[in-house]
Amino acid sequence: MEHIGWVLALTGSVGMSVICWFVQLVAYPGLLDVTPEAFRSFHRRHCWGIGIIVVPLMLVELAGSAFLVWVLPSGLSLFGLVLCLFAFGWTFAISAPLHGRLASGHDLGLITRLIRTNLPRTLAWTAHAVVCLLALISPG
């Protein structure tokens, strides 16, 4: 039964890891090249497009992580949930407000801050994916 939780958490965390690495290395630095005149429209499309992909992944990851703590309370399942909640908290406390401010228009300082502050949540999602994978492939 706990395999279901690990698979859900792995699916969400791997999906989010891949997206966050793409965002870290390509999408956010690319915002620096968008002209101020085109920025608001581009940013709106970026946020909408990313949102329809990441929201389901985040919900699947959270459901799997919470399920694991409920059915298999262990240090590993709790650590996975903590990584998930850290990434969520970072997103809602730091990244989302920066995107909210960028909705007003091009701001090099905010874009640079967005790039710089994305790495901790990218690493948390990557670590959670590794934890889930190790839990699934370990014997027993």
Protein backbone atom coordinates (compact mmCIF):
# COMPACT_ATOMS: atom_id res chain seq x y z
CA MET A 1 0.00 0.00 0.00
CA GLU A 2 2.84 2.40 0.79
CA HIS A 3 4.20 1.87 -2.75
CA ILE A 4 1.25 3.93 -3.99
CA GLY A 5 2.36 6.84 -1.80
CA TRP A 6 5.97 6.58 -2.93
CA VAL A 7 4.94 6.43 -6.59
CA LEU A 8 2.69 9.49 -6.20
CA ALA A 9 5.36 11.42 -4.32
CA LEU A 10 7.99 10.34 -6.86
CA THR A 11 5.82 11.35 -9.82
CA GLY A 12 5.18 14.81 -8.40
CA SER A 13 8.71 15.43 -7.16
CA VAL A 14 10.42 14.23 -10.35
CA GLY A 15 8.04 16.33 -12.43
CA MET A 16 8.70 19.36 -10.28
CA SER A 17 12.46 18.73 -10.28
CA VAL A 18 12.61 18.63 -14.06
CA ILE A 19 10.48 21.75 -14.37
CA CYS A 20 12.45 23.63 -11.72
CA TRP A 21 15.79 22.79 -13.32
CA PHE A 22 14.44 23.98 -16.68
CA VAL A 23 13.15 27.15 -15.03
CA GLN A 24 16.45 27.67 -13.17
CA LEU A 25 18.68 27.19 -16.20
CA VAL A 26 16.52 28.38 -19.11
CA ALA A 27 13.20 30.07 -18.37
CA TYR A 28 14.11 32.52 -15.60
CA PRO A 29 17.40 33.63 -17.20
CA GLY A 30 15.44 34.03 -20.44
CA LEU A 31 13.26 36.62 -18.72
CA LEU A 32 16.30 38.90 -18.76
CA ASP A 33 16.15 38.96 -22.57
CA VAL A 34 12.46 39.84 -22.88
CA THR A 35 12.02 43.48 -23.83
CA PRO A 36 10.22 45.70 -21.34
CA GLU A 37 7.46 46.29 -23.92
CA ALA A 38 6.76 42.56 -24.34
CA PHE A 39 7.40 41.53 -20.74
CA ARG A 40 3.91 41.75 -19.20
CA SER A 41 2.32 39.66 -21.92
CA PHE A 42 5.18 37.15 -21.94
CA HIS A 43 5.19 36.84 -18.14
CA ARG A 44 1.42 36.34 -18.02
CA ARG A 45 1.66 33.49 -20.57
CA HIS A 46 4.63 31.99 -18.70
CA CYS A 47 2.81 31.98 -15.36
CA TRP A 48 -0.39 30.56 -16.81
CA GLY A 49 1.41 27.86 -18.80
CA ILE A 50 3.64 26.79 -15.93
CA GLY A 51 0.71 26.89 -13.52
CA ILE A 52 -1.40 24.38 -15.41
CA ILE A 53 1.54 21.97 -15.36
CA VAL A 54 2.88 22.43 -11.82
CA VAL A 55 -0.35 22.65 -9.81
CA PRO A 56 -1.41 19.05 -10.57
CA LEU A 57 2.16 17.81 -9.98
CA MET A 58 2.36 19.63 -6.67
CA LEU A 59 -0.99 18.23 -5.55
CA VAL A 60 0.01 14.67 -6.49
CA GLU A 61 3.30 15.06 -4.64
CA LEU A 62 1.63 16.47 -1.54
CA ALA A 63 -1.05 13.76 -1.53
CA GLY A 64 1.54 11.00 -1.86
CA SER A 65 3.80 12.51 0.80
CA ALA A 66 0.98 13.02 3.30
CA PHE A 67 -0.40 9.53 2.59
CA LEU A 68 3.03 8.03 3.34
CA VAL A 69 3.31 9.75 6.70
CA TRP A 70 -0.16 8.46 7.54
CA VAL A 71 0.30 4.81 6.42
CA LEU A 72 4.05 4.46 6.93
CA PRO A 73 5.17 6.86 9.63
CA SER A 74 8.95 6.72 9.44
CA GLY A 75 11.89 9.04 9.36
CA LEU A 76 12.09 8.69 5.60
CA SER A 77 8.43 9.44 4.91
CA LEU A 78 8.53 12.38 7.34
CA PHE A 79 11.71 13.70 5.70
CA GLY A 80 10.00 13.47 2.31
CA LEU A 81 7.00 15.43 3.57
CA VAL A 82 9.30 18.06 5.09
CA LEU A 83 11.10 18.48 1.74
CA CYS A 84 7.75 18.76 -0.03
CA LEU A 85 6.43 21.33 2.45
CA PHE A 86 9.68 23.31 2.28
CA ALA A 87 9.40 23.54 -1.52
CA PHE A 88 5.73 24.53 -1.26
CA GLY A 89 6.43 27.10 1.45
CA TRP A 90 9.32 28.60 -0.50
CA THR A 91 7.13 28.80 -3.59
CA PHE A 92 4.25 30.53 -1.83
CA ALA A 93 6.37 32.77 0.41
CA ILE A 94 9.06 33.85 -2.06
CA SER A 95 8.57 32.85 -5.70
CA ALA A 96 4.85 33.58 -6.09
CA PRO A 97 5.10 37.08 -4.56
CA LEU A 98 8.02 37.89 -6.88
CA HIS A 99 5.93 36.79 -9.85
CA GLY A 100 3.10 38.94 -8.52
CA ARG A 101 5.37 41.95 -8.51
CA LEU A 102 6.72 41.11 -11.97
CA ALA A 103 3.16 41.10 -13.33
CA SER A 104 3.43 44.90 -13.23
CA GLY A 105 6.30 44.89 -15.70
CA HIS A 106 9.96 44.27 -16.44
CA ASP A 107 12.28 44.72 -13.44
CA LEU A 108 15.85 43.43 -13.71
CA GLY A 109 16.30 43.39 -9.94
CA LEU A 110 13.20 41.25 -9.40
CA ILE A 111 14.14 38.88 -12.22
CA THR A 112 17.63 38.46 -10.78
CA ARG A 113 16.15 37.80 -7.35
CA LEU A 114 13.74 35.26 -8.86
CA ILE A 115 16.66 33.40 -10.46
CA ARG A 116 18.71 33.48 -7.26
CA THR A 117 15.89 32.40 -4.95
CA ASN A 118 14.67 29.55 -7.17
CA LEU A 119 17.61 27.28 -6.38
CA PRO A 120 16.60 26.24 -2.82
CA ARG A 121 13.22 24.93 -3.94
CA THR A 122 14.79 23.25 -6.98
CA LEU A 123 17.21 21.44 -4.66
CA ALA A 124 14.39 20.49 -2.27
CA TRP A 125 12.32 18.98 -5.09
CA THR A 126 15.38 17.17 -6.42
CA ALA A 127 16.20 15.79 -2.96
CA HIS A 128 12.60 14.65 -2.51
CA ALA A 129 12.73 12.82 -5.85
CA VAL A 130 15.94 11.05 -4.76
CA VAL A 131 14.38 10.08 -1.41
CA CYS A 132 11.31 8.64 -3.17
CA LEU A 133 13.38 6.76 -5.71
CA LEU A 134 15.62 5.27 -3.05
CA ALA A 135 12.58 4.21 -1.01
CA LEU A 136 11.08 2.47 -4.03
CA ILE A 137 14.22 0.61 -5.09
CA SER A 138 15.46 -0.37 -1.64
CA PRO A 139 14.77 -3.95 -0.61
CA GLY A 140 12.05 -4.58 1.92
